Amino acid sequence: MKVRFSERALAYLRSEQTYLGRFDRRAARATAQQIRKAAQLISDYPQAGQAIAMAPGVRRYVSAPYHIDYIERDGTIIVIAIRHGRQSPRGVSESDDQSFED
């Protein structure tokens, strides 16, 4: 199955590679290779990612430390978002966390 990346996902990849490249070019290249391998796996096995309950039709594949969100549409996998596992999902801030202290 063919894999396409949304503009949002591509923007994240460019940003991540620029950031990593400032410190270690090999790490930047390794990250790009890791995402390409994950995309190939998703292409071969579209059900590899876990369905996201709060987002019908969206699946998440984790290639640590990256979370890759994607949908399948008309025989094509579309990667809609990529984020580092330590980053909050878009639209969620730390202030949204509930404090359970008395």
C-alpha atoms as a PDB file:
ATOM      1  CA  MET A   1       0.000   0.000   0.000  1.00  0.00           C
ATOM      2  CA  LYS A   2       1.254   3.491  -0.802  1.00  0.00           C
ATOM      3  CA  VAL A   3       2.161   5.842   2.093  1.00  0.00           C
ATOM      4  CA  ARG A   4       1.731   9.620   2.005  1.00  0.00           C
ATOM      5  CA  PHE A   5       2.650  12.138   4.687  1.00  0.00           C
ATOM      6  CA  SER A   6       0.408  15.088   5.528  1.00  0.00           C
ATOM      7  CA  GLU A   7       1.896  18.582   5.535  1.00  0.00           C
ATOM      8  CA  ARG A   8       1.669  18.542   9.324  1.00  0.00           C
ATOM      9  CA  ALA A   9       3.637  15.285   9.560  1.00  0.00           C
ATOM     10  CA  LEU A  10       6.242  16.522   7.073  1.00  0.00           C
ATOM     11  CA  ALA A  11       6.608  19.796   8.983  1.00  0.00           C
ATOM     12  CA  TYR A  12       7.252  17.854  12.184  1.00  0.00           C
ATOM     13  CA  LEU A  13       9.858  15.672  10.471  1.00  0.00           C
ATOM     14  CA  ARG A  14      11.666  18.702   9.048  1.00  0.00           C
ATOM     15  CA  SER A  15      11.616  20.407  12.434  1.00  0.00           C
ATOM     16  CA  GLU A  16      12.854  17.305  14.253  1.00  0.00           C
ATOM     17  CA  GLN A  17      15.659  16.733  11.752  1.00  0.00           C
ATOM     18  CA  THR A  18      16.735  20.369  11.966  1.00  0.00           C
ATOM     19  CA  TYR A  19      16.758  20.211  15.751  1.00  0.00           C
ATOM     20  CA  LEU A  20      18.661  16.919  15.921  1.00  0.00           C
ATOM     21  CA  GLY A  21      21.040  17.993  13.167  1.00  0.00           C
ATOM     22  CA  ARG A  22      22.269  20.874  15.310  1.00  0.00           C
ATOM     23  CA  PHE A  23      23.685  18.388  17.786  1.00  0.00           C
ATOM     24  CA  ASP A  24      24.279  15.164  15.876  1.00  0.00           C
ATOM     25  CA  ARG A  25      23.796  14.705  12.137  1.00  0.00           C
ATOM     26  CA  ARG A  26      23.895  10.934  12.497  1.00  0.00           C
ATOM     27  CA  ALA A  27      20.982  11.085  14.923  1.00  0.00           C
ATOM     28  CA  ALA A  28      19.030  13.192  12.431  1.00  0.00           C
ATOM     29  CA  ARG A  29      19.687  10.655   9.652  1.00  0.00           C
ATOM     30  CA  ALA A  30      18.856   7.744  11.961  1.00  0.00           C
ATOM     31  CA  THR A  31      15.538   9.360  12.853  1.00  0.00           C
ATOM     32  CA  ALA A  32      14.625   9.797   9.191  1.00  0.00           C
ATOM     33  CA  GLN A  33      15.557   6.172   8.513  1.00  0.00           C
ATOM     34  CA  GLN A  34      13.518   5.002  11.504  1.00  0.00           C
ATOM     35  CA  ILE A  35      10.417   6.848  10.277  1.00  0.00           C
ATOM     36  CA  ARG A  36      10.902   5.453   6.742  1.00  0.00           C
ATOM     37  CA  LYS A  37      11.138   1.901   8.119  1.00  0.00           C
ATOM     38  CA  ALA A  38       8.028   2.438  10.226  1.00  0.00           C
ATOM     39  CA  ALA A  39       6.164   3.780   7.181  1.00  0.00           C
ATOM     40  CA  GLN A  40       7.192   0.693   5.195  1.00  0.00           C
ATOM     41  CA  LEU A  41       5.962  -1.592   7.969  1.00  0.00           C
ATOM     42  CA  ILE A  42       2.640   0.273   8.129  1.00  0.00           C
ATOM     43  CA  SER A  43       2.417   0.002   4.344  1.00  0.00           C
ATOM     44  CA  ASP A  44       2.910  -3.761   4.523  1.00  0.00           C
ATOM     45  CA  TYR A  45       0.715  -4.232   7.620  1.00  0.00           C
ATOM     46  CA  PRO A  46      -1.881  -1.427   7.821  1.00  0.00           C
ATOM     47  CA  GLN A  47      -3.411  -2.915  10.972  1.00  0.00           C
ATOM     48  CA  ALA A  48      -0.058  -2.785  12.817  1.00  0.00           C
ATOM     49  CA  GLY A  49      -1.018   0.370  14.675  1.00  0.00           C
ATOM     50  CA  GLN A  50      -3.420   0.422  17.583  1.00  0.00           C
ATOM     51  CA  ALA A  51      -6.836   1.968  16.973  1.00  0.00           C
ATOM     52  CA  ILE A  52      -7.290   5.241  18.850  1.00  0.00           C
ATOM     53  CA  ALA A  53     -10.604   5.177  20.715  1.00  0.00           C
ATOM     54  CA  MET A  54     -10.999   8.963  20.798  1.00  0.00           C
ATOM     55  CA  ALA A  55     -10.340   9.324  17.065  1.00  0.00           C
ATOM     56  CA  PRO A  56     -12.361   6.861  14.962  1.00  0.00           C
ATOM     57  CA  GLY A  57     -10.468   5.641  11.909  1.00  0.00           C
ATOM     58  CA  VAL A  58      -7.080   6.735  13.243  1.00  0.00           C
ATOM     59  CA  ARG A  59      -4.418   4.216  14.185  1.00  0.00           C
ATOM     60  CA  ARG A  60      -1.181   4.819  16.103  1.00  0.00           C
ATOM     61  CA  TYR A  61       2.028   2.938  15.462  1.00  0.00           C
ATOM     62  CA  VAL A  62       4.774   3.424  18.034  1.00  0.00           C
ATOM     63  CA  SER A  63       8.338   3.277  16.785  1.00  0.00           C
ATOM     64  CA  ALA A  64       9.931   4.359  20.042  1.00  0.00           C
ATOM     65  CA  PRO A  65      10.251   7.125  20.847  1.00  0.00           C
ATOM     66  CA  TYR A  66       7.983   8.328  18.008  1.00  0.00           C
ATOM     67  CA  HIS A  67       4.204   7.985  17.762  1.00  0.00           C
ATOM     68  CA  ILE A  68       2.942   7.837  14.187  1.00  0.00           C
ATOM     69  CA  ASP A  69      -0.775   8.473  13.666  1.00  0.00           C
ATOM     70  CA  TYR A  70      -2.287   7.425  10.356  1.00  0.00           C
ATOM     71  CA  ILE A  71      -5.472   6.691   8.482  1.00  0.00           C
ATOM     72  CA  GLU A  72      -6.233   4.469   5.523  1.00  0.00           C
ATOM     73  CA  ARG A  73      -8.112   6.122   2.697  1.00  0.00           C
ATOM     74  CA  ASP A  74      -8.773   4.788  -0.792  1.00  0.00           C
ATOM     75  CA  GLY A  75      -6.001   2.212  -0.570  1.00  0.00           C
ATOM     76  CA  THR A  76      -3.435   4.720   0.687  1.00  0.00           C
ATOM     77  CA  ILE A  77      -1.954   5.123   4.158  1.00  0.00           C
ATOM     78  CA  ILE A  78      -1.855   8.786   5.151  1.00  0.00           C
ATOM     79  CA  VAL A  79       0.431   9.662   8.044  1.00  0.00           C
ATOM     80  CA  ILE A  80      -1.438  12.532   9.664  1.00  0.00           C
ATOM     81  CA  ALA A  81       0.832  13.237  12.640  1.00  0.00           C
ATOM     82  CA  ILE A  82       4.156  12.288  14.150  1.00  0.00           C
ATOM     83  CA  ARG A  83       5.327  13.236  17.613  1.00  0.00           C
ATOM     84  CA  HIS A  84       7.972  12.290  20.121  1.00  0.00           C
ATOM     85  CA  GLY A  85       6.500  10.130  22.872  1.00  0.00           C
ATOM     86  CA  ARG A  86       7.477  12.694  25.508  1.00  0.00           C
ATOM     87  CA  GLN A  87       5.461  15.424  23.821  1.00  0.00           C
ATOM     88  CA  SER A  88       1.844  16.034  24.749  1.00  0.00           C
ATOM     89  CA  PRO A  89      -0.667  15.318  22.014  1.00  0.00           C
ATOM     90  CA  ARG A  90      -1.641  18.426  20.070  1.00  0.00           C
ATOM     91  CA  GLY A  91      -4.309  20.412  21.876  1.00  0.00           C
ATOM     92  CA  VAL A  92      -3.469  19.016  25.323  1.00  0.00           C
ATOM     93  CA  SER A  93      -1.543  21.182  27.746  1.00  0.00           C
ATOM     94  CA  GLU A  94      -0.074  20.460  31.146  1.00  0.00           C
ATOM     95  CA  SER A  95      -2.781  22.649  32.678  1.00  0.00           C
ATOM     96  CA  ASP A  96      -5.335  20.102  31.431  1.00  0.00           C
ATOM     97  CA  ASP A  97      -3.932  17.555  33.883  1.00  0.00           C
ATOM     98  CA  GLN A  98      -6.074  16.972  36.928  1.00  0.00           C
ATOM     99  CA  SER A  99      -4.508  17.196  40.359  1.00  0.00           C
ATOM    100  CA  PHE A 100      -5.618  14.433  42.687  1.00  0.00           C
ATOM    101  CA  GLU A 101      -3.904  15.820  45.760  1.00  0.00           C
ATOM    102  CA  ASP A 102      -6.028  16.791  48.751  1.00  0.00           C
END
